[in-house]
């Protein structure tokens, strides 16, 4: 079973993604902020990280930096799911090793689940 960690501060959205992904057979955990995400990554290494950029406490950019420092996370795929749609943000995320950058407003939860399944 593939494991996913969703890092999303909007509880409603996190719950929608969690429910839909579990319905597809994924094991899913969530974190409501960057600090909680890093704490979970100490013990739980997912196959995929679904990461928002604008987060309380520690933002997604810092999470990406910290992930690069850890050898045990180098094979984890990362999808950024953010409302930041500026080209500079997308290019920065790709440089940081993100495999996909999705703008929340452009995709329905079902489309996002399909993208995850493709990976």
PDB file of N, CA and C in Angstrom:
ATOM      1  N   UNK A   1       0.843  -1.181   0.000  1.00  0.00           N
ATOM      2  CA  UNK A   1       0.000   0.000   0.000  1.00  0.00           C
ATOM      3  C   UNK A   1       0.889   1.246   0.000  1.00  0.00           C
ATOM      4  N   UNK A   2       0.622   2.162  -0.907  1.00  0.00           N
ATOM      5  CA  UNK A   2       1.394   3.399  -0.991  1.00  0.00           C
ATOM      6  C   UNK A   2       0.957   4.359   0.107  1.00  0.00           C
ATOM      7  N   UNK A   3       1.961   5.040   0.688  1.00  0.00           N
ATOM      8  CA  UNK A   3       1.702   5.953   1.802  1.00  0.00           C
ATOM      9  C   UNK A   3       1.824   7.402   1.333  1.00  0.00           C
ATOM     10  N   UNK A   4       0.890   8.226   1.820  1.00  0.00           N
ATOM     11  CA  UNK A   4       0.874   9.642   1.453  1.00  0.00           C
ATOM     12  C   UNK A   4       0.758  10.483   2.712  1.00  0.00           C
ATOM     13  N   UNK A   5       1.529  11.571   2.749  1.00  0.00           N
ATOM     14  CA  UNK A   5       1.379  12.569   3.804  1.00  0.00           C
ATOM     15  C   UNK A   5       0.870  13.845   3.142  1.00  0.00           C
ATOM     16  N   UNK A   6      -0.285  14.314   3.605  1.00  0.00           N
ATOM     17  CA  UNK A   6      -0.870  15.551   3.104  1.00  0.00           C
ATOM     18  C   UNK A   6      -0.550  16.661   4.100  1.00  0.00           C
ATOM     19  N   UNK A   7       0.094  17.716   3.620  1.00  0.00           N
ATOM     20  CA  UNK A   7       0.397  18.861   4.464  1.00  0.00           C
ATOM     21  C   UNK A   7      -0.457  20.025   3.959  1.00  0.00           C
ATOM     22  N   UNK A   8      -1.523  20.284   4.683  1.00  0.00           N
ATOM     23  CA  UNK A   8      -2.533  21.269   4.261  1.00  0.00           C
ATOM     24  C   UNK A   8      -3.167  21.884   5.502  1.00  0.00           C
ATOM     25  N   UNK A   9      -3.151  23.225   5.597  1.00  0.00           N
ATOM     26  CA  UNK A   9      -3.703  23.884   6.781  1.00  0.00           C
ATOM     27  C   UNK A   9      -5.218  24.065   6.721  1.00  0.00           C
ATOM     28  N   UNK A  10      -5.826  23.878   5.552  1.00  0.00           N
ATOM     29  CA  UNK A  10      -7.280  23.944   5.422  1.00  0.00           C
ATOM     30  C   UNK A  10      -7.835  22.547   5.735  1.00  0.00           C
ATOM     31  N   UNK A  11      -8.392  22.393   6.937  1.00  0.00           N
ATOM     32  CA  UNK A  11      -8.860  21.074   7.396  1.00  0.00           C
ATOM     33  C   UNK A  11      -9.888  20.481   6.443  1.00  0.00           C
ATOM     34  N   UNK A  12     -10.793  21.309   5.929  1.00  0.00           N
ATOM     35  CA  UNK A  12     -11.822  20.831   5.008  1.00  0.00           C
ATOM     36  C   UNK A  12     -11.189  20.202   3.765  1.00  0.00           C
ATOM     37  N   UNK A  13     -10.218  20.900   3.162  1.00  0.00           N
ATOM     38  CA  UNK A  13      -9.538  20.356   1.979  1.00  0.00           C
ATOM     39  C   UNK A  13      -8.741  19.101   2.315  1.00  0.00           C
ATOM     40  N   UNK A  14      -8.023  19.137   3.414  1.00  0.00           N
ATOM     41  CA  UNK A  14      -7.224  17.973   3.824  1.00  0.00           C
ATOM     42  C   UNK A  14      -8.116  16.748   4.000  1.00  0.00           C
ATOM     43  N   UNK A  15      -9.282  16.938   4.614  1.00  0.00           N
ATOM     44  CA  UNK A  15     -10.213  15.824   4.826  1.00  0.00           C
ATOM     45  C   UNK A  15     -10.755  15.282   3.500  1.00  0.00           C
ATOM     46  N   UNK A  16     -11.048  16.177   2.557  1.00  0.00           N
ATOM     47  CA  UNK A  16     -11.533  15.729   1.242  1.00  0.00           C
ATOM     48  C   UNK A  16     -10.470  14.862   0.562  1.00  0.00           C
ATOM     49  N   UNK A  17      -9.230  15.360   0.501  1.00  0.00           N
ATOM     50  CA  UNK A  17      -8.161  14.596  -0.149  1.00  0.00           C
ATOM     51  C   UNK A  17      -7.910  13.279   0.568  1.00  0.00           C
ATOM     52  N   UNK A  18      -7.905  13.308   1.884  1.00  0.00           N
ATOM     53  CA  UNK A  18      -7.669  12.092   2.673  1.00  0.00           C
ATOM     54  C   UNK A  18      -8.738  11.047   2.369  1.00  0.00           C
ATOM     55  N   UNK A  19     -10.001  11.453   2.406  1.00  0.00           N
ATOM     56  CA  UNK A  19     -11.110  10.523   2.150  1.00  0.00           C
ATOM     57  C   UNK A  19     -11.021   9.937   0.743  1.00  0.00           C
ATOM     58  N   UNK A  20     -10.786  10.777  -0.242  1.00  0.00           N
ATOM     59  CA  UNK A  20     -10.726  10.307  -1.634  1.00  0.00           C
ATOM     60  C   UNK A  20      -9.532   9.375  -1.857  1.00  0.00           C
ATOM     61  N   UNK A  21      -8.380   9.715  -1.289  1.00  0.00           N
ATOM     62  CA  UNK A  21      -7.193   8.876  -1.473  1.00  0.00           C
ATOM     63  C   UNK A  21      -7.321   7.550  -0.738  1.00  0.00           C
ATOM     64  N   UNK A  22      -7.889   7.571   0.462  1.00  0.00           N
ATOM     65  CA  UNK A  22      -8.113   6.303   1.175  1.00  0.00           C
ATOM     66  C   UNK A  22      -9.088   5.419   0.396  1.00  0.00           C
ATOM     67  N   UNK A  23     -10.056   6.034  -0.250  1.00  0.00           N
ATOM     68  CA  UNK A  23     -11.002   5.285  -1.083  1.00  0.00           C
ATOM     69  C   UNK A  23     -10.327   4.618  -2.275  1.00  0.00           C
ATOM     70  N   UNK A  24      -9.165   5.142  -2.658  1.00  0.00           N
ATOM     71  CA  UNK A  24      -8.386   4.560  -3.758  1.00  0.00           C
ATOM     72  C   UNK A  24      -7.345   3.565  -3.258  1.00  0.00           C
ATOM     73  N   UNK A  25      -7.331   3.313  -1.943  1.00  0.00           N
ATOM     74  CA  UNK A  25      -6.431   2.300  -1.400  1.00  0.00           C
ATOM     75  C   UNK A  25      -5.115   2.815  -0.843  1.00  0.00           C
ATOM     76  N   UNK A  26      -4.963   4.129  -0.736  1.00  0.00           N
ATOM     77  CA  UNK A  26      -3.737   4.684  -0.170  1.00  0.00           C
ATOM     78  C   UNK A  26      -3.840   4.767   1.348  1.00  0.00           C
ATOM     79  N   UNK A  27      -2.685   4.657   2.019  1.00  0.00           N
ATOM     80  CA  UNK A  27      -2.603   4.942   3.454  1.00  0.00           C
ATOM     81  C   UNK A  27      -2.272   6.431   3.556  1.00  0.00           C
ATOM     82  N   UNK A  28      -3.112   7.188   4.271  1.00  0.00           N
ATOM     83  CA  UNK A  28      -2.960   8.641   4.280  1.00  0.00           C
ATOM     84  C   UNK A  28      -2.870   9.188   5.699  1.00  0.00           C
ATOM     85  N   UNK A  29      -1.889  10.055   5.911  1.00  0.00           N
ATOM     86  CA  UNK A  29      -1.783  10.824   7.147  1.00  0.00           C
ATOM     87  C   UNK A  29      -1.811  12.297   6.754  1.00  0.00           C
ATOM     88  N   UNK A  30      -2.200  13.154   7.704  1.00  0.00           N
ATOM     89  CA  UNK A  30      -2.254  14.580   7.427  1.00  0.00           C
ATOM     90  C   UNK A  30      -1.467  15.368   8.476  1.00  0.00           C
ATOM     91  N   UNK A  31      -1.058  16.555   8.076  1.00  0.00           N
ATOM     92  CA  UNK A  31      -0.416  17.502   8.987  1.00  0.00           C
ATOM     93  C   UNK A  31      -0.990  18.878   8.677  1.00  0.00           C
ATOM     94  N   UNK A  32      -1.324  19.634   9.734  1.00  0.00           N
ATOM     95  CA  UNK A  32      -1.998  20.925   9.550  1.00  0.00           C
ATOM     96  C   UNK A  32      -1.039  22.103   9.420  1.00  0.00           C
ATOM     97  N   UNK A  33       0.243  21.874   9.671  1.00  0.00           N
ATOM     98  CA  UNK A  33       1.230  22.945   9.525  1.00  0.00           C
ATOM     99  C   UNK A  33       2.606  22.328   9.275  1.00  0.00           C
ATOM    100  N   UNK A  34       3.559  23.196   8.948  1.00  0.00           N
ATOM    101  CA  UNK A  34       4.890  22.715   8.618  1.00  0.00           C
ATOM    102  C   UNK A  34       5.619  22.039   9.760  1.00  0.00           C
ATOM    103  N   UNK A  35       5.422  22.547  10.957  1.00  0.00           N
ATOM    104  CA  UNK A  35       6.087  21.953  12.122  1.00  0.00           C
ATOM    105  C   UNK A  35       5.592  20.526  12.345  1.00  0.00           C
ATOM    106  N   UNK A  36       4.278  20.328  12.266  1.00  0.00           N
ATOM    107  CA  UNK A  36       3.709  18.989  12.437  1.00  0.00           C
ATOM    108  C   UNK A  36       4.184  18.055  11.313  1.00  0.00           C
ATOM    109  N   UNK A  37       4.287  18.585  10.102  1.00  0.00           N
ATOM    110  CA  UNK A  37       4.747  17.770   8.967  1.00  0.00           C
ATOM    111  C   UNK A  37       6.162  17.250   9.202  1.00  0.00           C
ATOM    112  N   UNK A  38       7.057  18.139   9.629  1.00  0.00           N
ATOM    113  CA  UNK A  38       8.441  17.710   9.869  1.00  0.00           C
ATOM    114  C   UNK A  38       8.518  16.693  10.996  1.00  0.00           C
ATOM    115  N   UNK A  39       7.702  16.870  12.014  1.00  0.00           N
ATOM    116  CA  UNK A  39       7.670  15.909  13.125  1.00  0.00           C
ATOM    117  C   UNK A  39       7.196  14.537  12.631  1.00  0.00           C
ATOM    118  N   UNK A  40       6.154  14.514  11.786  1.00  0.00           N
ATOM    119  CA  UNK A  40       5.667  13.240  11.263  1.00  0.00           C
ATOM    120  C   UNK A  40       6.699  12.580  10.358  1.00  0.00           C
ATOM    121  N   UNK A  41       7.445  13.385   9.596  1.00  0.00           N
ATOM    122  CA  UNK A  41       8.450  12.825   8.689  1.00  0.00           C
ATOM    123  C   UNK A  41       9.627  12.194   9.436  1.00  0.00           C
ATOM    124  N   UNK A  42       9.750  12.454  10.731  1.00  0.00           N
ATOM    125  CA  UNK A  42      10.795  11.803  11.522  1.00  0.00           C
ATOM    126  C   UNK A  42      10.506  10.312  11.684  1.00  0.00           C
ATOM    127  N   UNK A  43       9.228   9.934  11.743  1.00  0.00           N
ATOM    128  CA  UNK A  43       8.854   8.539  11.997  1.00  0.00           C
ATOM    129  C   UNK A  43       8.128   7.875  10.830  1.00  0.00           C
ATOM    130  N   UNK A  44       7.543   8.688   9.953  1.00  0.00           N
ATOM    131  CA  UNK A  44       6.686   8.177   8.882  1.00  0.00           C
ATOM    132  C   UNK A  44       7.251   8.669   7.557  1.00  0.00           C
ATOM    133  N   UNK A  45       7.729   7.737   6.743  1.00  0.00           N
ATOM    134  CA  UNK A  45       8.287   8.126   5.451  1.00  0.00           C
ATOM    135  C   UNK A  45       7.308   7.704   4.362  1.00  0.00           C
ATOM    136  N   UNK A  46       6.588   8.685   3.818  1.00  0.00           N
ATOM    137  CA  UNK A  46       5.602   8.356   2.790  1.00  0.00           C
ATOM    138  C   UNK A  46       6.260   8.172   1.422  1.00  0.00           C
ATOM    139  N   UNK A  47       5.500   7.559   0.517  1.00  0.00           N
ATOM    140  CA  UNK A  47       5.949   7.458  -0.867  1.00  0.00           C
ATOM    141  C   UNK A  47       5.744   8.795  -1.573  1.00  0.00           C
ATOM    142  N   UNK A  48       4.738   9.543  -1.084  1.00  0.00           N
ATOM    143  CA  UNK A  48       4.378  10.810  -1.710  1.00  0.00           C
ATOM    144  C   UNK A  48       4.028  11.843  -0.646  1.00  0.00           C
ATOM    145  N   UNK A  49       4.518  13.053  -0.859  1.00  0.00           N
ATOM    146  CA  UNK A  49       4.181  14.184   0.001  1.00  0.00           C
ATOM    147  C   UNK A  49       3.348  15.153  -0.835  1.00  0.00           C
ATOM    148  N   UNK A  50       2.137  15.436  -0.384  1.00  0.00           N
ATOM    149  CA  UNK A  50       1.267  16.426  -1.021  1.00  0.00           C
ATOM    150  C   UNK A  50       1.380  17.682  -0.165  1.00  0.00           C
ATOM    151  N   UNK A  51       2.052  18.698  -0.686  1.00  0.00           N
ATOM    152  CA  UNK A  51       2.524  19.818   0.124  1.00  0.00           C
ATOM    153  C   UNK A  51       1.958  21.160  -0.316  1.00  0.00           C
ATOM    154  N   UNK A  52       1.326  21.852   0.622  1.00  0.00           N
ATOM    155  CA  UNK A  52       0.940  23.242   0.409  1.00  0.00           C
ATOM    156  C   UNK A  52       2.175  24.095   0.700  1.00  0.00           C
ATOM    157  N   UNK A  53       2.236  25.294   0.138  1.00  0.00           N
ATOM    158  CA  UNK A  53       3.382  26.175   0.374  1.00  0.00           C
ATOM    159  C   UNK A  53       3.097  27.151   1.515  1.00  0.00           C
ATOM    160  N   UNK A  54       1.924  27.761   1.492  1.00  0.00           N
ATOM    161  CA  UNK A  54       1.565  28.734   2.528  1.00  0.00           C
ATOM    162  C   UNK A  54       1.004  27.974   3.725  1.00  0.00           C
ATOM    163  N   UNK A  55       1.823  27.854   4.753  1.00  0.00           N
ATOM    164  CA  UNK A  55       1.466  27.077   5.944  1.00  0.00           C
ATOM    165  C   UNK A  55       1.822  27.855   7.207  1.00  0.00           C
ATOM    166  N   UNK A  56       1.101  27.579   8.302  1.00  0.00           N
ATOM    167  CA  UNK A  56       1.494  28.173   9.583  1.00  0.00           C
ATOM    168  C   UNK A  56       2.798  27.555  10.097  1.00  0.00           C
ATOM    169  N   UNK A  57       3.482  28.296  10.932  1.00  0.00           N
ATOM    170  CA  UNK A  57       4.691  27.873  11.653  1.00  0.00           C
ATOM    171  C   UNK A  57       5.911  27.707  10.750  1.00  0.00           C
ATOM    172  N   UNK A  58       5.891  26.751   9.846  1.00  0.00           N
ATOM    173  CA  UNK A  58       6.993  26.528   8.907  1.00  0.00           C
ATOM    174  C   UNK A  58       6.365  26.376   7.528  1.00  0.00           C
ATOM    175  N   UNK A  59       6.817  27.181   6.563  1.00  0.00           N
ATOM    176  CA  UNK A  59       6.178  27.110   5.239  1.00  0.00           C
ATOM    177  C   UNK A  59       6.728  25.961   4.386  1.00  0.00           C
ATOM    178  N   UNK A  60       6.082  25.747   3.261  1.00  0.00           N
ATOM    179  CA  UNK A  60       6.454  24.653   2.374  1.00  0.00           C
ATOM    180  C   UNK A  60       7.849  24.774   1.803  1.00  0.00           C
ATOM    181  N   UNK A  61       8.328  26.008   1.593  1.00  0.00           N
ATOM    182  CA  UNK A  61       9.685  26.178   1.065  1.00  0.00           C
ATOM    183  C   UNK A  61      10.718  25.632   2.053  1.00  0.00           C
ATOM    184  N   UNK A  62      10.510  25.927   3.329  1.00  0.00           N
ATOM    185  CA  UNK A  62      11.453  25.428   4.336  1.00  0.00           C
ATOM    186  C   UNK A  62      11.367  23.909   4.460  1.00  0.00           C
ATOM    187  N   UNK A  63      10.173  23.363   4.337  1.00  0.00           N
ATOM    188  CA  UNK A  63      10.012  21.901   4.370  1.00  0.00           C
ATOM    189  C   UNK A  63      10.811  21.280   3.228  1.00  0.00           C
ATOM    190  N   UNK A  64      10.721  21.861   2.027  1.00  0.00           N
ATOM    191  CA  UNK A  64      11.481  21.344   0.887  1.00  0.00           C
ATOM    192  C   UNK A  64      12.984  21.397   1.157  1.00  0.00           C
ATOM    193  N   UNK A  65      13.456  22.477   1.763  1.00  0.00           N
ATOM    194  CA  UNK A  65      14.882  22.594   2.105  1.00  0.00           C
ATOM    195  C   UNK A  65      15.303  21.501   3.083  1.00  0.00           C
ATOM    196  N   UNK A  66      14.493  21.286   4.100  1.00  0.00           N
ATOM    197  CA  UNK A  66      14.844  20.288   5.129  1.00  0.00           C
ATOM    198  C   UNK A  66      14.801  18.870   4.568  1.00  0.00           C
ATOM    199  N   UNK A  67      13.887  18.615   3.645  1.00  0.00           N
ATOM    200  CA  UNK A  67      13.804  17.289   3.031  1.00  0.00           C
ATOM    201  C   UNK A  67      15.088  16.987   2.258  1.00  0.00           C
ATOM    202  N   UNK A  68      15.622  17.978   1.561  1.00  0.00           N
ATOM    203  CA  UNK A  68      16.852  17.786   0.785  1.00  0.00           C
ATOM    204  C   UNK A  68      18.025  17.383   1.662  1.00  0.00           C
ATOM    205  N   UNK A  69      17.977  17.753   2.934  1.00  0.00           N
ATOM    206  CA  UNK A  69      19.074  17.451   3.857  1.00  0.00           C
ATOM    207  C   UNK A  69      19.038  16.005   4.351  1.00  0.00           C
ATOM    208  N   UNK A  70      17.938  15.312   4.072  1.00  0.00           N
ATOM    209  CA  UNK A  70      17.779  13.960   4.638  1.00  0.00           C
ATOM    210  C   UNK A  70      17.889  12.879   3.570  1.00  0.00           C
ATOM    211  N   UNK A  71      18.858  12.028   3.744  1.00  0.00           N
ATOM    212  CA  UNK A  71      19.104  10.926   2.811  1.00  0.00           C
ATOM    213  C   UNK A  71      17.912   9.972   2.747  1.00  0.00           C
ATOM    214  N   UNK A  72      17.245   9.733   3.876  1.00  0.00           N
ATOM    215  CA  UNK A  72      16.138   8.771   3.921  1.00  0.00           C
ATOM    216  C   UNK A  72      14.884   9.264   3.185  1.00  0.00           C
ATOM    217  N   UNK A  73      14.847  10.529   2.791  1.00  0.00           N
ATOM    218  CA  UNK A  73      13.672  11.067   2.091  1.00  0.00           C
ATOM    219  C   UNK A  73      13.931  11.326   0.604  1.00  0.00           C
ATOM    220  N   UNK A  74      15.122  10.960   0.117  1.00  0.00           N
ATOM    221  CA  UNK A  74      15.487  11.334  -1.249  1.00  0.00           C
ATOM    222  C   UNK A  74      14.618  10.660  -2.320  1.00  0.00           C
ATOM    223  N   UNK A  75      14.016   9.516  -2.023  1.00  0.00           N
ATOM    224  CA  UNK A  75      13.176   8.832  -3.012  1.00  0.00           C
ATOM    225  C   UNK A  75      11.701   9.206  -2.914  1.00  0.00           C
ATOM    226  N   UNK A  76      11.364  10.036  -1.953  1.00  0.00           N
ATOM    227  CA  UNK A  76       9.968  10.445  -1.775  1.00  0.00           C
ATOM    228  C   UNK A  76       9.582  11.429  -2.879  1.00  0.00           C
ATOM    229  N   UNK A  77       8.455  11.163  -3.523  1.00  0.00           N
ATOM    230  CA  UNK A  77       7.952  12.090  -4.534  1.00  0.00           C
ATOM    231  C   UNK A  77       7.200  13.217  -3.828  1.00  0.00           C
ATOM    232  N   UNK A  78       7.281  14.411  -4.399  1.00  0.00           N
ATOM    233  CA  UNK A  78       6.611  15.568  -3.804  1.00  0.00           C
ATOM    234  C   UNK A  78       5.762  16.258  -4.860  1.00  0.00           C
ATOM    235  N   UNK A  79       4.501  16.464  -4.511  1.00  0.00           N
ATOM    236  CA  UNK A  79       3.605  17.269  -5.334  1.00  0.00           C
ATOM    237  C   UNK A  79       3.257  18.502  -4.517  1.00  0.00           C
ATOM    238  N   UNK A  80       3.476  19.674  -5.095  1.00  0.00           N
ATOM    239  CA  UNK A  80       3.040  20.903  -4.446  1.00  0.00           C
ATOM    240  C   UNK A  80       1.620  21.179  -4.908  1.00  0.00           C
ATOM    241  N   UNK A  81       0.763  21.468  -3.939  1.00  0.00           N
ATOM    242  CA  UNK A  81      -0.625  21.827  -4.203  1.00  0.00           C
ATOM    243  C   UNK A  81      -0.845  23.163  -3.512  1.00  0.00           C
ATOM    244  N   UNK A  82      -0.841  24.234  -4.290  1.00  0.00           N
ATOM    245  CA  UNK A  82      -0.822  25.577  -3.707  1.00  0.00           C
ATOM    246  C   UNK A  82      -1.695  26.527  -4.507  1.00  0.00           C
ATOM    247  N   UNK A  83      -2.031  27.642  -3.913  1.00  0.00           N
ATOM    248  CA  UNK A  83      -2.711  28.711  -4.633  1.00  0.00           C
ATOM    249  C   UNK A  83      -1.715  29.692  -5.235  1.00  0.00           C
ATOM    250  N   UNK A  84      -0.431  29.504  -4.961  1.00  0.00           N
ATOM    251  CA  UNK A  84       0.600  30.357  -5.562  1.00  0.00           C
ATOM    252  C   UNK A  84       0.791  29.931  -7.012  1.00  0.00           C
ATOM    253  N   UNK A  85       0.343  30.760  -7.941  1.00  0.00           N
ATOM    254  CA  UNK A  85       0.386  30.352  -9.343  1.00  0.00           C
ATOM    255  C   UNK A  85       1.430  31.107 -10.163  1.00  0.00           C
ATOM    256  N   UNK A  86       2.237  31.939  -9.507  1.00  0.00           N
ATOM    257  CA  UNK A  86       3.248  32.699 -10.229  1.00  0.00           C
ATOM    258  C   UNK A  86       4.325  31.768 -10.787  1.00  0.00           C
ATOM    259  N   UNK A  87       4.776  32.099 -11.985  1.00  0.00           N
ATOM    260  CA  UNK A  87       5.776  31.285 -12.675  1.00  0.00           C
ATOM    261  C   UNK A  87       7.032  31.080 -11.820  1.00  0.00           C
ATOM    262  N   UNK A  88       7.453  32.134 -11.085  1.00  0.00           N
ATOM    263  CA  UNK A  88       8.674  32.024 -10.266  1.00  0.00           C
ATOM    264  C   UNK A  88       8.524  30.938  -9.195  1.00  0.00           C
ATOM    265  N   UNK A  89       7.336  30.862  -8.592  1.00  0.00           N
ATOM    266  CA  UNK A  89       7.102  29.847  -7.564  1.00  0.00           C
ATOM    267  C   UNK A  89       7.139  28.446  -8.152  1.00  0.00           C
ATOM    268  N   UNK A  90       6.530  28.276  -9.307  1.00  0.00           N
ATOM    269  CA  UNK A  90       6.513  26.963  -9.970  1.00  0.00           C
ATOM    270  C   UNK A  90       7.943  26.549 -10.330  1.00  0.00           C
ATOM    271  N   UNK A  91       8.708  27.470 -10.918  1.00  0.00           N
ATOM    272  CA  UNK A  91      10.094  27.164 -11.298  1.00  0.00           C
ATOM    273  C   UNK A  91      10.954  26.844 -10.072  1.00  0.00           C
ATOM    274  N   UNK A  92      10.752  27.593  -8.989  1.00  0.00           N
ATOM    275  CA  UNK A  92      11.505  27.346  -7.760  1.00  0.00           C
ATOM    276  C   UNK A  92      11.201  25.944  -7.225  1.00  0.00           C
ATOM    277  N   UNK A  93       9.934  25.569  -7.221  1.00  0.00           N
ATOM    278  CA  UNK A  93       9.537  24.249  -6.724  1.00  0.00           C
ATOM    279  C   UNK A  93      10.162  23.136  -7.565  1.00  0.00           C
ATOM    280  N   UNK A  94      10.160  23.306  -8.872  1.00  0.00           N
ATOM    281  CA  UNK A  94      10.758  22.300  -9.764  1.00  0.00           C
ATOM    282  C   UNK A  94      12.259  22.177  -9.472  1.00  0.00           C
ATOM    283  N   UNK A  95      12.921  23.315  -9.261  1.00  0.00           N
ATOM    284  CA  UNK A  95      14.353  23.292  -8.902  1.00  0.00           C
ATOM    285  C   UNK A  95      14.582  22.568  -7.581  1.00  0.00           C
ATOM    286  N   UNK A  96      13.615  22.632  -6.693  1.00  0.00           N
ATOM    287  CA  UNK A  96      13.722  21.971  -5.385  1.00  0.00           C
ATOM    288  C   UNK A  96      13.424  20.471  -5.469  1.00  0.00           C
ATOM    289  N   UNK A  97      13.087  19.973  -6.665  1.00  0.00           N
ATOM    290  CA  UNK A  97      12.884  18.539  -6.833  1.00  0.00           C
ATOM    291  C   UNK A  97      11.436  18.081  -6.829  1.00  0.00           C
ATOM    292  N   UNK A  98      10.507  19.021  -6.871  1.00  0.00           N
ATOM    293  CA  UNK A  98       9.087  18.672  -6.895  1.00  0.00           C
ATOM    294  C   UNK A  98       8.755  18.031  -8.238  1.00  0.00           C
ATOM    295  N   UNK A  99       7.972  16.940  -8.226  1.00  0.00           N
ATOM    296  CA  UNK A  99       7.645  16.250  -9.479  1.00  0.00           C
ATOM    297  C   UNK A  99       6.426  16.853 -10.176  1.00  0.00           C
ATOM    298  N   UNK A 100       5.604  17.548  -9.427  1.00  0.00           N
ATOM    299  CA  UNK A 100       4.401  18.154 -10.006  1.00  0.00           C
ATOM    300  C   UNK A 100       4.028  19.365  -9.162  1.00  0.00           C
ATOM    301  N   UNK A 101       3.576  20.428  -9.842  1.00  0.00           N
ATOM    302  CA  UNK A 101       3.120  21.639  -9.142  1.00  0.00           C
ATOM    303  C   UNK A 101       1.704  21.907  -9.617  1.00  0.00           C
ATOM    304  N   UNK A 102       0.747  21.759  -8.714  1.00  0.00           N
ATOM    305  CA  UNK A 102      -0.658  21.935  -9.060  1.00  0.00           C
ATOM    306  C   UNK A 102      -1.216  23.161  -8.350  1.00  0.00           C
ATOM    307  N   UNK A 103      -1.904  24.008  -9.099  1.00  0.00           N
ATOM    308  CA  UNK A 103      -2.555  25.178  -8.520  1.00  0.00           C
ATOM    309  C   UNK A 103      -3.961  24.752  -8.109  1.00  0.00           C
ATOM    310  N   UNK A 104      -4.261  24.906  -6.820  1.00  0.00           N
ATOM    311  CA  UNK A 104      -5.529  24.418  -6.255  1.00  0.00           C
ATOM    312  C   UNK A 104      -6.744  24.836  -7.068  1.00  0.00           C
ATOM    313  N   UNK A 105      -6.778  26.091  -7.469  1.00  0.00           N
ATOM    314  CA  UNK A 105      -7.957  26.622  -8.157  1.00  0.00           C
ATOM    315  C   UNK A 105      -8.177  26.006  -9.537  1.00  0.00           C
ATOM    316  N   UNK A 106      -7.162  25.354 -10.081  1.00  0.00           N
ATOM    317  CA  UNK A 106      -7.255  24.815 -11.440  1.00  0.00           C
ATOM    318  C   UNK A 106      -7.653  23.337 -11.485  1.00  0.00           C
ATOM    319  N   UNK A 107      -7.734  22.679 -10.330  1.00  0.00           N
ATOM    320  CA  UNK A 107      -8.020  21.242 -10.297  1.00  0.00           C
ATOM    321  C   UNK A 107      -9.074  20.922  -9.252  1.00  0.00           C
ATOM    322  N   UNK A 108      -9.954  19.992  -9.590  1.00  0.00           N
ATOM    323  CA  UNK A 108     -10.905  19.494  -8.600  1.00  0.00           C
ATOM    324  C   UNK A 108     -10.189  18.429  -7.760  1.00  0.00           C
ATOM    325  N   UNK A 109     -10.723  18.124  -6.584  1.00  0.00           N
ATOM    326  CA  UNK A 109     -10.109  17.041  -5.792  1.00  0.00           C
ATOM    327  C   UNK A 109     -10.010  15.724  -6.577  1.00  0.00           C
ATOM    328  N   UNK A 110     -11.003  15.406  -7.385  1.00  0.00           N
ATOM    329  CA  UNK A 110     -10.953  14.170  -8.187  1.00  0.00           C
ATOM    330  C   UNK A 110      -9.789  14.204  -9.182  1.00  0.00           C
ATOM    331  N   UNK A 111      -9.555  15.359  -9.808  1.00  0.00           N
ATOM    332  CA  UNK A 111      -8.447  15.485 -10.758  1.00  0.00           C
ATOM    333  C   UNK A 111      -7.101  15.355 -10.051  1.00  0.00           C
ATOM    334  N   UNK A 112      -7.016  15.882  -8.844  1.00  0.00           N
ATOM    335  CA  UNK A 112      -5.777  15.767  -8.080  1.00  0.00           C
ATOM    336  C   UNK A 112      -5.504  14.319  -7.713  1.00  0.00           C
ATOM    337  N   UNK A 113      -6.549  13.594  -7.315  1.00  0.00           N
ATOM    338  CA  UNK A 113      -6.399  12.163  -7.001  1.00  0.00           C
ATOM    339  C   UNK A 113      -5.916  11.411  -8.252  1.00  0.00           C
ATOM    340  N   UNK A 114      -6.447  11.753  -9.411  1.00  0.00           N
ATOM    341  CA  UNK A 114      -6.014  11.102 -10.652  1.00  0.00           C
ATOM    342  C   UNK A 114      -4.542  11.372 -10.927  1.00  0.00           C
ATOM    343  N   UNK A 115      -4.097  12.620 -10.713  1.00  0.00           N
ATOM    344  CA  UNK A 115      -2.681  12.955 -10.902  1.00  0.00           C
ATOM    345  C   UNK A 115      -1.798  12.122  -9.969  1.00  0.00           C
ATOM    346  N   UNK A 116      -2.244  11.967  -8.728  1.00  0.00           N
ATOM    347  CA  UNK A 116      -1.488  11.181  -7.753  1.00  0.00           C
ATOM    348  C   UNK A 116      -1.406   9.732  -8.200  1.00  0.00           C
ATOM    349  N   UNK A 117      -2.504   9.191  -8.668  1.00  0.00           N
ATOM    350  CA  UNK A 117      -2.516   7.798  -9.127  1.00  0.00           C
ATOM    351  C   UNK A 117      -1.582   7.608 -10.317  1.00  0.00           C
ATOM    352  N   UNK A 118      -1.471   8.614 -11.191  1.00  0.00           N
ATOM    353  CA  UNK A 118      -0.577   8.527 -12.342  1.00  0.00           C
ATOM    354  C   UNK A 118       0.885   8.397 -11.898  1.00  0.00           C
ATOM    355  N   UNK A 119       1.229   9.076 -10.826  1.00  0.00           N
ATOM    356  CA  UNK A 119       2.613   9.033 -10.326  1.00  0.00           C
ATOM    357  C   UNK A 119       2.906   7.712  -9.653  1.00  0.00           C
TER     358      UNK A 119
END
